């Protein structure tokens, strides 16, 4: 059986993370592969670990591929990013990611007075 390219990339990222569990680049690579494979909760958990350890977590892939998610998936991510923003309120990556996902759902931060009510506004 032949593996697709994304399966090979996911397997490589998993192997890298297993061999270097504290390497922020390995965590970032694994998070990106999980995101591309629609394992959003696992991807965000790794990105949150990076944030908690004072490493930069890149959410660029989330922004670039947000249009490939369903509206419900984007709403779930918006809610999780909102939670992370309560912990890391000045994180530009989180703010940009949340703003991009809101825009894809036809909303913007300007129209939202209470971030915790994001999902009820759709």
Protein backbone atom coordinates (compact mmCIF):
# COMPACT_ATOMS: atom_id res chain seq x y z
CA UNK A 1 0.00 0.00 0.00
CA UNK A 2 1.37 3.38 -0.96
CA UNK A 3 1.00 6.34 1.38
CA UNK A 4 -0.17 9.72 0.20
CA UNK A 5 2.20 12.65 0.60
CA UNK A 6 0.27 14.08 3.56
CA UNK A 7 0.41 10.72 5.35
CA UNK A 8 4.16 10.56 4.81
CA UNK A 9 4.58 14.12 6.10
CA UNK A 10 2.46 13.33 9.17
CA UNK A 11 4.47 10.18 9.87
CA UNK A 12 7.75 12.12 9.51
CA UNK A 13 6.56 14.86 11.86
CA UNK A 14 5.42 12.25 14.38
CA UNK A 15 8.81 10.52 14.23
CA UNK A 16 10.60 13.86 14.67
CA UNK A 17 8.46 14.75 17.68
CA UNK A 18 9.00 11.31 19.23
CA UNK A 19 12.76 11.65 18.84
CA UNK A 20 12.86 15.26 20.08
CA UNK A 21 9.78 15.83 22.28
CA UNK A 22 11.04 19.13 23.65
CA UNK A 23 12.08 20.62 20.31
CA UNK A 24 9.76 23.55 19.49
CA UNK A 25 10.34 23.07 15.75
CA UNK A 26 9.26 19.44 16.01
CA UNK A 27 6.11 20.48 17.90
CA UNK A 28 5.36 23.17 15.31
CA UNK A 29 5.84 20.73 12.42
CA UNK A 30 3.60 18.16 14.09
CA UNK A 31 0.94 20.78 14.81
CA UNK A 32 0.97 21.85 11.17
CA UNK A 33 0.63 18.29 9.92
CA UNK A 34 -2.18 17.59 12.39
CA UNK A 35 -3.96 20.72 11.19
CA UNK A 36 -3.60 19.71 7.55
CA UNK A 37 -5.04 16.31 8.44
CA UNK A 38 -8.05 17.91 10.18
CA UNK A 39 -6.92 16.95 13.71
CA UNK A 40 -7.63 20.47 14.90
CA UNK A 41 -7.83 19.85 18.65
CA UNK A 42 -4.53 17.99 18.71
CA UNK A 43 -2.88 20.68 16.60
CA UNK A 44 -4.08 23.44 18.91
CA UNK A 45 -2.94 21.48 21.97
CA UNK A 46 0.60 21.40 20.59
CA UNK A 47 0.49 25.09 19.68
CA UNK A 48 -0.74 25.84 23.19
CA UNK A 49 2.22 23.90 24.61
CA UNK A 50 4.52 26.09 22.54
CA UNK A 51 2.82 29.23 23.83
CA UNK A 52 3.03 28.00 27.43
CA UNK A 53 6.75 27.30 27.13
CA UNK A 54 7.38 30.86 25.88
CA UNK A 55 8.19 29.68 22.39
CA UNK A 56 6.67 31.29 19.37
CA UNK A 57 3.82 29.28 17.96
CA UNK A 58 3.04 30.00 14.36
CA UNK A 59 -0.61 30.04 13.39
CA UNK A 60 0.11 30.97 9.77
CA UNK A 61 -1.04 27.62 8.44
CA UNK A 62 -4.35 28.03 10.23
CA UNK A 63 -4.85 31.40 8.54
CA UNK A 64 -3.76 30.15 5.12
CA UNK A 65 -5.99 27.08 5.22
CA UNK A 66 -8.98 28.42 7.11
CA UNK A 67 -11.06 28.41 3.94
CA UNK A 68 -10.64 24.62 3.77
CA UNK A 69 -12.50 24.24 7.06
CA UNK A 70 -16.23 24.12 7.53
CA UNK A 71 -17.95 27.01 9.25
CA UNK A 72 -18.46 24.82 12.33
CA UNK A 73 -14.76 23.93 12.41
CA UNK A 74 -13.88 27.61 12.13
CA UNK A 75 -16.33 28.42 14.93
CA UNK A 76 -14.70 25.79 17.13
CA UNK A 77 -11.27 27.24 16.40
CA UNK A 78 -12.51 30.78 17.05
CA UNK A 79 -13.79 29.65 20.44
CA UNK A 80 -10.49 27.97 21.28
CA UNK A 81 -8.50 30.99 20.14
CA UNK A 82 -10.74 33.16 22.29
CA UNK A 83 -9.85 30.98 25.28
CA UNK A 84 -6.15 31.26 24.46
CA UNK A 85 -6.48 35.04 24.11
CA UNK A 86 -7.64 35.23 27.72
CA UNK A 87 -4.30 33.65 28.68
CA UNK A 88 -2.15 35.44 26.07
CA UNK A 89 -4.08 38.67 25.38
CA UNK A 90 -1.29 40.42 23.49
CA UNK A 91 -0.33 37.58 21.18
CA UNK A 92 -0.50 38.98 17.67
CA UNK A 93 -0.59 35.52 16.05
CA UNK A 94 -3.69 34.59 18.03
CA UNK A 95 -5.41 37.88 17.25
CA UNK A 96 -4.60 37.64 13.55
CA UNK A 97 -5.74 34.02 13.37
CA UNK A 98 -9.01 34.78 15.12
CA UNK A 99 -9.62 37.79 12.90
CA UNK A 100 -8.96 35.76 9.74
CA UNK A 101 -11.34 32.99 10.82
CA UNK A 102 -14.02 35.53 11.74
CA UNK A 103 -13.64 37.16 8.35
CA UNK A 104 -14.09 33.81 6.62
CA UNK A 105 -17.33 33.44 8.58
CA UNK A 106 -18.49 36.89 7.50
CA UNK A 107 -17.74 38.59 10.83
CA UNK A 108 -15.02 40.85 12.22
CA UNK A 109 -13.62 41.75 15.62
CA UNK A 110 -15.08 45.25 15.19
CA UNK A 111 -18.63 43.86 15.34
CA UNK A 112 -18.05 41.83 18.45
CA UNK A 113 -18.37 43.48 21.83
CA UNK A 114 -17.86 40.34 23.90
CA UNK A 115 -15.43 37.76 22.46
CA UNK A 116 -17.01 34.96 24.48
CA UNK A 117 -20.24 35.44 22.51
CA UNK A 118 -18.59 34.73 19.14
CA UNK A 119 -20.45 31.55 18.41
CA UNK A 120 -23.86 32.99 19.19
CA UNK A 121 -23.42 35.75 16.62
CA UNK A 122 -23.25 33.54 13.53
